[in-house]
């Protein structure tokens, strides 16, 4: 990557966001050691009840349309 020719800031932002999502799902050793547990993924993204319903409908529709075997290979 070359300076000022690649979106390094965007890469950093996305990698931080994905790392935080992973921590929400699986926790971390540091948080476990200090008994500081992560929020749920919905709390992390501040999803309201209405948004949660829409998200659940979208997820259910996605998995009813897409065959799980298509995703695996």
N, C-alpha and C. Protein backbone atom coordinates (compact mmCIF):
# COMPACT_ATOMS: atom_id res chain seq x y z
N UNK A 1 0.84 -1.17 0.00
CA UNK A 1 0.00 0.00 0.00
C UNK A 1 0.89 1.25 0.00
N UNK A 2 0.47 2.21 -0.75
CA UNK A 2 1.24 3.44 -0.85
C UNK A 2 0.54 4.56 -0.09
N UNK A 3 1.36 5.43 0.47
CA UNK A 3 0.83 6.55 1.25
C UNK A 3 -0.04 7.43 0.35
N UNK A 4 -1.21 7.78 0.87
CA UNK A 4 -2.20 8.63 0.22
C UNK A 4 -2.80 8.05 -1.06
N UNK A 5 -2.49 6.79 -1.38
CA UNK A 5 -3.08 6.16 -2.55
C UNK A 5 -4.01 4.99 -2.18
N UNK A 6 -4.07 4.67 -0.91
CA UNK A 6 -4.96 3.62 -0.46
C UNK A 6 -5.79 4.13 0.71
N UNK A 7 -6.99 3.62 0.85
CA UNK A 7 -7.88 4.11 1.92
C UNK A 7 -7.55 3.45 3.27
N UNK A 8 -6.36 3.71 3.80
CA UNK A 8 -5.92 3.09 5.05
C UNK A 8 -6.85 3.42 6.20
N UNK A 9 -7.37 4.64 6.25
CA UNK A 9 -8.30 5.03 7.32
C UNK A 9 -9.57 4.20 7.29
N UNK A 10 -10.08 3.96 6.10
CA UNK A 10 -11.29 3.14 5.96
C UNK A 10 -11.01 1.70 6.36
N UNK A 11 -9.83 1.18 5.98
CA UNK A 11 -9.46 -0.18 6.37
C UNK A 11 -9.37 -0.30 7.89
N UNK A 12 -8.80 0.71 8.53
CA UNK A 12 -8.69 0.70 9.99
C UNK A 12 -10.08 0.73 10.63
N UNK A 13 -10.95 1.60 10.13
CA UNK A 13 -12.31 1.71 10.69
C UNK A 13 -13.06 0.39 10.56
N UNK A 14 -13.02 -0.22 9.39
CA UNK A 14 -13.75 -1.48 9.15
C UNK A 14 -13.17 -2.60 10.01
N UNK A 15 -11.84 -2.68 10.10
CA UNK A 15 -11.23 -3.74 10.90
C UNK A 15 -11.57 -3.57 12.38
N UNK A 16 -11.62 -2.33 12.86
CA UNK A 16 -12.00 -2.08 14.26
C UNK A 16 -13.46 -2.47 14.50
N UNK A 17 -14.33 -2.12 13.58
CA UNK A 17 -15.75 -2.46 13.70
C UNK A 17 -15.95 -3.98 13.73
N UNK A 18 -15.27 -4.69 12.83
CA UNK A 18 -15.40 -6.14 12.78
C UNK A 18 -14.80 -6.81 14.02
N UNK A 19 -13.70 -6.26 14.53
CA UNK A 19 -13.10 -6.79 15.76
C UNK A 19 -14.05 -6.60 16.94
N UNK A 20 -14.69 -5.45 17.02
CA UNK A 20 -15.66 -5.21 18.09
C UNK A 20 -16.86 -6.15 17.97
N UNK A 21 -17.32 -6.42 16.75
CA UNK A 21 -18.42 -7.37 16.55
C UNK A 21 -18.01 -8.76 17.02
N UNK A 22 -16.81 -9.17 16.68
CA UNK A 22 -16.30 -10.48 17.11
C UNK A 22 -16.26 -10.55 18.63
N UNK A 23 -15.83 -9.46 19.27
CA UNK A 23 -15.78 -9.42 20.72
C UNK A 23 -17.17 -9.50 21.33
N UNK A 24 -18.16 -8.89 20.69
CA UNK A 24 -19.54 -8.98 21.19
C UNK A 24 -20.03 -10.42 21.19
N UNK A 25 -19.67 -11.16 20.17
CA UNK A 25 -20.12 -12.55 20.07
C UNK A 25 -19.32 -13.50 20.95
N UNK A 26 -18.00 -13.32 21.02
CA UNK A 26 -17.15 -14.32 21.66
C UNK A 26 -16.45 -13.84 22.92
N UNK A 27 -16.53 -12.55 23.25
CA UNK A 27 -15.86 -12.03 24.43
C UNK A 27 -14.36 -11.91 24.20
N UNK A 28 -13.64 -11.58 25.26
CA UNK A 28 -12.19 -11.47 25.17
C UNK A 28 -11.57 -11.95 26.47
N UNK A 29 -10.31 -12.31 26.40
CA UNK A 29 -9.62 -12.78 27.59
C UNK A 29 -9.47 -11.66 28.61
N UNK A 30 -9.20 -10.47 28.14
CA UNK A 30 -9.04 -9.33 29.04
C UNK A 30 -10.36 -9.02 29.75
N UNK A 31 -11.45 -8.97 29.01
CA UNK A 31 -12.75 -8.73 29.61
C UNK A 31 -13.13 -9.80 30.61
N UNK A 32 -12.80 -11.05 30.28
CA UNK A 32 -13.10 -12.16 31.18
C UNK A 32 -12.29 -12.04 32.47
N UNK A 33 -11.00 -11.65 32.36
CA UNK A 33 -10.13 -11.52 33.53
C UNK A 33 -10.63 -10.45 34.48
N UNK A 34 -11.19 -9.37 33.95
CA UNK A 34 -11.67 -8.27 34.78
C UNK A 34 -13.18 -8.31 35.00
N UNK A 35 -13.81 -9.42 34.60
CA UNK A 35 -15.26 -9.61 34.73
C UNK A 35 -16.03 -8.45 34.11
N UNK A 36 -15.58 -8.05 32.93
CA UNK A 36 -16.21 -6.98 32.16
C UNK A 36 -16.71 -7.61 30.86
N UNK A 37 -17.97 -7.93 30.81
CA UNK A 37 -18.50 -8.68 29.68
C UNK A 37 -19.02 -7.74 28.60
N UNK A 38 -18.87 -8.12 27.35
CA UNK A 38 -19.27 -7.24 26.24
C UNK A 38 -20.79 -7.16 26.10
N UNK A 39 -21.26 -6.11 25.45
CA UNK A 39 -22.70 -6.00 25.19
C UNK A 39 -23.11 -6.97 24.08
N UNK A 40 -24.38 -7.18 23.95
CA UNK A 40 -24.85 -7.98 22.81
C UNK A 40 -24.62 -7.18 21.54
N UNK A 41 -24.66 -7.86 20.41
CA UNK A 41 -24.43 -7.17 19.14
C UNK A 41 -25.50 -6.12 18.89
N UNK A 42 -26.71 -6.38 19.34
CA UNK A 42 -27.80 -5.42 19.17
C UNK A 42 -27.61 -4.19 20.06
N UNK A 43 -27.09 -4.39 21.26
CA UNK A 43 -26.78 -3.25 22.13
C UNK A 43 -25.63 -2.44 21.55
N UNK A 44 -24.64 -3.12 21.00
CA UNK A 44 -23.48 -2.43 20.43
C UNK A 44 -23.89 -1.49 19.30
N UNK A 45 -24.81 -1.94 18.44
CA UNK A 45 -25.26 -1.12 17.32
C UNK A 45 -26.48 -0.27 17.66
N UNK A 46 -26.95 -0.31 18.91
CA UNK A 46 -28.10 0.49 19.36
C UNK A 46 -29.33 0.23 18.49
N UNK A 47 -29.66 -1.03 18.30
CA UNK A 47 -30.80 -1.40 17.46
C UNK A 47 -32.08 -1.30 18.29
N UNK A 48 -33.06 -0.56 17.78
CA UNK A 48 -34.34 -0.42 18.46
C UNK A 48 -35.20 -1.66 18.21
N UNK A 49 -36.34 -1.74 18.89
CA UNK A 49 -37.23 -2.90 18.73
C UNK A 49 -37.76 -3.00 17.31
N UNK A 50 -38.12 -1.85 16.71
CA UNK A 50 -38.62 -1.85 15.33
C UNK A 50 -37.54 -2.33 14.37
N UNK A 51 -36.32 -1.83 14.54
CA UNK A 51 -35.22 -2.25 13.69
C UNK A 51 -34.90 -3.73 13.90
N UNK A 52 -35.05 -4.19 15.14
CA UNK A 52 -34.79 -5.60 15.44
C UNK A 52 -35.79 -6.49 14.71
N UNK A 53 -37.04 -6.09 14.65
CA UNK A 53 -38.06 -6.88 13.94
C UNK A 53 -37.73 -6.94 12.44
N UNK A 54 -37.35 -5.81 11.88
CA UNK A 54 -37.01 -5.77 10.45
C UNK A 54 -35.77 -6.62 10.19
N UNK A 55 -34.78 -6.53 11.06
CA UNK A 55 -33.57 -7.33 10.91
C UNK A 55 -33.89 -8.82 10.98
N UNK A 56 -34.72 -9.23 11.92
CA UNK A 56 -35.11 -10.64 12.03
C UNK A 56 -35.87 -11.11 10.79
N UNK A 57 -36.75 -10.26 10.25
CA UNK A 57 -37.47 -10.63 9.02
C UNK A 57 -36.49 -10.81 7.87
N UNK A 58 -35.52 -9.90 7.76
CA UNK A 58 -34.53 -9.98 6.68
C UNK A 58 -33.69 -11.25 6.82
N UNK A 59 -33.25 -11.55 8.04
CA UNK A 59 -32.42 -12.75 8.26
C UNK A 59 -33.22 -14.01 7.95
N UNK A 60 -34.47 -14.08 8.42
CA UNK A 60 -35.31 -15.25 8.14
C UNK A 60 -35.56 -15.41 6.65
N UNK A 61 -35.80 -14.30 5.95
CA UNK A 61 -36.01 -14.36 4.52
C UNK A 61 -34.75 -14.83 3.80
N UNK A 62 -33.60 -14.31 4.21
CA UNK A 62 -32.33 -14.68 3.58
C UNK A 62 -32.08 -16.18 3.70
N UNK A 63 -32.27 -16.73 4.90
CA UNK A 63 -31.99 -18.15 5.10
C UNK A 63 -33.08 -19.05 4.54
N UNK A 64 -34.27 -18.51 4.26
CA UNK A 64 -35.30 -19.33 3.63
C UNK A 64 -35.09 -19.38 2.12
N UNK A 65 -34.47 -18.34 1.55
CA UNK A 65 -34.25 -18.27 0.10
C UNK A 65 -32.94 -18.94 -0.28
N UNK A 66 -31.89 -18.70 0.48
CA UNK A 66 -30.56 -19.22 0.17
C UNK A 66 -30.38 -20.59 0.79
N UNK A 67 -29.92 -21.53 0.01
CA UNK A 67 -29.63 -22.86 0.52
C UNK A 67 -28.32 -22.80 1.29
N UNK A 68 -28.31 -23.35 2.48
CA UNK A 68 -27.10 -23.29 3.33
C UNK A 68 -25.94 -23.97 2.66
N UNK A 69 -26.16 -25.00 1.86
CA UNK A 69 -25.07 -25.68 1.17
C UNK A 69 -24.43 -24.75 0.14
N UNK A 70 -25.18 -23.81 -0.43
CA UNK A 70 -24.60 -22.85 -1.37
C UNK A 70 -23.59 -21.95 -0.66
N UNK A 71 -23.86 -21.64 0.61
CA UNK A 71 -22.95 -20.78 1.35
C UNK A 71 -21.66 -21.50 1.73
N UNK A 72 -21.75 -22.80 1.93
CA UNK A 72 -20.58 -23.58 2.36
C UNK A 72 -19.62 -23.85 1.22
N UNK A 73 -20.04 -23.89 0.05
CA UNK A 73 -19.11 -24.27 -1.02
C UNK A 73 -19.51 -23.68 -2.28
